[in-house]
Protein backbone atom coordinates (compact mmCIF):
# COMPACT_ATOMS: atom_id res chain seq x y z
CA UNK A 1 -6.23 1.80 -1.19
CA UNK A 2 -6.94 -0.09 -4.39
CA UNK A 3 -4.36 -1.41 -6.83
CA UNK A 4 -4.54 -2.30 -10.47
CA UNK A 5 -1.84 -4.96 -10.46
CA UNK A 6 -0.67 -8.40 -11.50
CA UNK A 7 0.86 -10.04 -8.45
CA UNK A 8 2.26 -13.50 -9.12
CA UNK A 9 4.15 -13.77 -5.81
CA UNK A 10 3.48 -10.90 -3.38
CA UNK A 11 3.36 -7.16 -2.87
CA UNK A 12 3.48 -5.04 0.30
CA UNK A 13 2.82 -1.29 0.63
CA UNK A 14 4.45 0.84 3.32
CA UNK A 15 3.64 4.47 4.11
CA UNK A 16 6.59 6.68 5.01
CA UNK A 17 6.78 10.14 6.52
CA UNK A 18 8.35 13.07 4.64
CA UNK A 19 11.83 12.02 5.82
CA UNK A 20 11.38 8.50 4.45
CA UNK A 21 10.86 6.82 7.83
CA UNK A 22 8.20 4.11 8.07
CA UNK A 23 5.06 5.24 9.92
CA UNK A 24 4.11 2.62 12.55
CA UNK A 25 0.90 0.78 11.71
CA UNK A 26 1.13 1.48 7.99
CA UNK A 27 2.68 -1.65 6.55
CA UNK A 28 0.03 -3.48 4.57
CA UNK A 29 -0.86 -7.12 4.65
CA UNK A 30 0.56 -9.13 1.76
CA UNK A 31 -1.35 -8.54 -1.47
CA UNK A 32 -1.71 -11.38 -3.97
CA UNK A 33 -3.72 -11.85 -7.15
CA UNK A 34 -4.47 -10.07 -10.38
CA UNK A 35 -7.08 -7.42 -10.90
CA UNK A 36 -8.08 -3.81 -11.23
CA UNK A 37 -9.30 -3.40 -7.65
CA UNK A 38 -7.02 -5.38 -5.37
CA UNK A 39 -7.56 -4.14 -1.82
CA UNK A 40 -4.59 -3.04 0.28
CA UNK A 41 -5.42 -3.80 3.91
CA UNK A 42 -3.78 -2.04 6.85
CA UNK A 43 -3.46 -3.47 10.38
CA UNK A 44 -6.54 -3.17 12.59
CA UNK A 45 -7.02 0.39 13.78
CA UNK A 46 -5.02 2.02 10.97
CA UNK A 47 -6.71 3.97 8.21
CA UNK A 48 -5.55 6.44 5.60
CA UNK A 49 -7.80 9.10 7.14
CA UNK A 50 -5.38 9.07 10.13
CA UNK A 51 -2.78 10.60 7.78
CA UNK A 52 -4.95 13.42 6.42
CA UNK A 53 -2.99 16.65 6.05
CA UNK A 54 0.40 14.93 6.36
CA UNK A 55 2.96 14.69 3.57
CA UNK A 56 3.69 11.00 3.01
CA UNK A 57 5.51 8.72 0.59
CA UNK A 58 4.53 5.25 -0.56
CA UNK A 59 6.97 2.36 -0.78
CA UNK A 60 5.87 -0.59 -2.86
CA UNK A 61 7.80 -3.82 -2.22
CA UNK A 62 7.20 -6.18 -5.11
CA UNK A 63 8.28 -9.71 -5.79
CA UNK A 64 7.25 -10.98 -9.22
CA UNK A 65 4.56 -8.32 -9.51
CA UNK A 66 3.59 -5.31 -11.64
CA UNK A 67 1.58 -2.25 -10.61
CA UNK A 68 -0.39 -0.47 -13.32
CA UNK A 69 -2.09 2.09 -11.07
CA UNK A 70 -3.50 2.78 -7.61
CA UNK A 71 -6.08 4.95 -5.91
CA UNK A 72 -6.94 5.93 -2.37
CA UNK A 73 -10.41 6.45 -1.03
């Protein structure tokens, strides 16, 4: 996942199932920095392809940060 964001303190992304429960292994590392292609990294062994075909929600936890857009690949 790539973010277009300005992160002065920190940002974390969590992936939730359709009921809003956190999916184990899908809480990102802390993202910091400013840019159009900030990389969201998942714990070792987790990848978005593991969630293919599932309905999910994203939770963005921001502290002194702004998100302008995101994309998955």
